[in-house]
Protein backbone atom coordinates (compact mmCIF):
# COMPACT_ATOMS: atom_id res chain seq x y z
CA MET A 1 32.74 19.67 21.57
CA THR A 2 29.79 17.87 20.02
CA SER A 3 26.52 19.62 19.35
CA GLU A 4 23.37 19.06 21.35
CA LEU A 5 21.85 17.41 18.29
CA SER A 6 24.76 14.94 18.03
CA ARG A 7 24.53 14.11 21.73
CA LEU A 8 20.79 13.47 21.40
CA ALA A 9 21.39 11.27 18.35
CA ALA A 10 23.97 9.24 20.29
CA LEU A 11 21.59 8.92 23.24
CA ILE A 12 18.80 7.71 20.94
CA SER A 13 21.14 5.25 19.22
CA SER A 14 22.44 3.72 22.46
CA SER A 15 18.93 3.46 23.92
CA VAL A 16 17.59 1.80 20.76
CA SER A 17 20.49 -0.66 20.95
CA THR A 18 19.52 -1.47 24.56
CA ILE A 19 15.90 -2.07 23.51
CA GLU A 20 16.80 -4.23 20.51
CA THR A 21 19.35 -6.31 22.44
CA ALA A 22 16.86 -7.03 25.22
CA CYS A 23 14.09 -7.92 22.76
CA GLU A 24 16.38 -10.20 20.78
CA ALA A 25 17.45 -11.99 23.96
CA LYS A 26 13.80 -12.57 24.89
CA GLY A 27 12.70 -13.52 21.35
CA ILE A 28 10.33 -10.56 21.09
CA GLU A 29 9.97 -8.27 18.08
CA VAL A 30 10.10 -4.51 18.49
CA PRO A 31 6.78 -3.11 17.22
CA SER A 32 6.91 -1.72 13.68
CA LEU A 33 4.75 0.70 11.74
CA LYS A 34 5.22 -1.57 8.72
CA SER A 35 3.26 -4.41 10.29
CA ILE A 36 -0.36 -4.72 11.31
CA PHE A 37 -0.98 -3.91 14.96
CA GLU A 38 -1.37 -7.08 16.97
CA PRO A 39 -2.44 -6.58 20.60
CA GLU A 40 -0.75 -9.81 21.72
CA GLN A 41 2.59 -8.76 20.25
CA ASP A 42 2.28 -5.30 21.81
CA ARG A 43 1.40 -6.79 25.22
CA ALA A 44 4.39 -9.15 24.96
CA PHE A 45 6.69 -6.24 24.16
CA ARG A 46 5.34 -4.03 26.95
CA SER A 47 5.18 -6.74 29.61
CA ALA A 48 8.62 -8.17 28.84
CA SER A 49 10.26 -4.80 29.31
CA ASP A 50 12.36 -4.75 32.44
CA ALA A 51 13.32 -1.51 34.19
CA THR A 52 16.34 -0.99 31.91
CA VAL A 53 14.26 -1.36 28.73
CA ALA A 54 11.43 0.76 30.13
CA ASN A 55 13.94 3.50 30.91
CA ALA A 56 15.51 3.21 27.44
CA ILE A 57 12.06 3.61 25.86
CA LYS A 58 11.45 6.75 27.92
CA VAL A 59 14.85 8.14 26.92
CA VAL A 60 14.16 7.56 23.21
CA VAL A 61 10.74 9.20 23.41
CA ALA A 62 12.05 12.22 25.36
CA ALA A 63 15.11 12.66 23.14
CA THR A 64 13.07 12.51 19.94
CA HIS A 65 10.79 15.22 21.33
CA GLN A 66 13.86 17.34 22.02
CA VAL A 67 15.21 16.75 18.50
CA ASN A 68 11.84 17.77 17.10
CA ALA A 69 11.84 20.97 19.19
CA ILE A 70 15.34 21.83 17.94
CA LEU A 71 14.70 21.19 14.25
CA GLU A 72 11.08 22.31 13.80
CA SER A 73 10.09 25.96 13.75
CA PRO A 74 8.77 27.30 17.05
CA TYR A 75 5.31 27.63 15.48
CA ALA A 76 5.28 23.98 14.33
CA THR A 77 6.53 22.80 17.72
CA LEU A 78 3.77 24.66 19.58
CA ARG A 79 1.12 23.53 17.08
CA ASN A 80 2.19 19.90 17.44
CA ALA A 81 2.40 20.13 21.23
CA SER A 82 -1.10 21.60 21.42
CA GLY A 83 -2.56 18.81 19.32
CA ALA A 84 -3.84 21.27 16.72
CA VAL A 85 -3.77 19.44 13.40
CA ARG A 86 -4.97 20.87 10.14
CA PRO A 87 -7.55 18.47 8.62
CA TYR A 88 -6.06 18.61 5.13
CA ILE A 89 -2.91 16.87 6.34
CA PHE A 90 -4.90 13.64 6.29
CA CYS A 91 -6.72 14.35 3.01
CA ALA A 92 -5.84 13.55 -0.57
CA GLY A 93 -7.23 14.23 -4.02
CA SER A 94 -10.65 15.88 -4.17
CA PHE A 95 -10.89 15.75 -0.37
CA LEU A 96 -7.71 17.84 -0.17
CA SER A 97 -9.00 20.51 -2.56
CA ASP A 98 -12.30 20.61 -0.66
CA ALA A 99 -10.51 21.04 2.67
CA ILE A 100 -8.34 23.83 1.25
CA SER A 101 -11.33 25.62 -0.33
CA ARG A 102 -13.09 25.56 3.05
CA GLY A 103 -10.10 27.23 4.67
CA PHE A 104 -8.89 24.36 6.82
């Protein structure tokens, strides 16, 4: 019997395949964090999504949240779910040392 984590990974993989196949057929790129956000491209992606693609997107998002809940510590999961973010996560260099010295 496969683990819950393996089943979630398979669900994510098949849903991503559904999204990519539909986007390729329509000549639309899946948004990427490596590219600059372009509202027109995002609108094209969101508006071209049919019910199957919209459902696949929801499945990927939900499954990744479940994977996160399984793999992260309970404390980290609750902190992330509450939106509580430590400021020094986004700091570097002298800003980081300043944030740490202030107790953030």
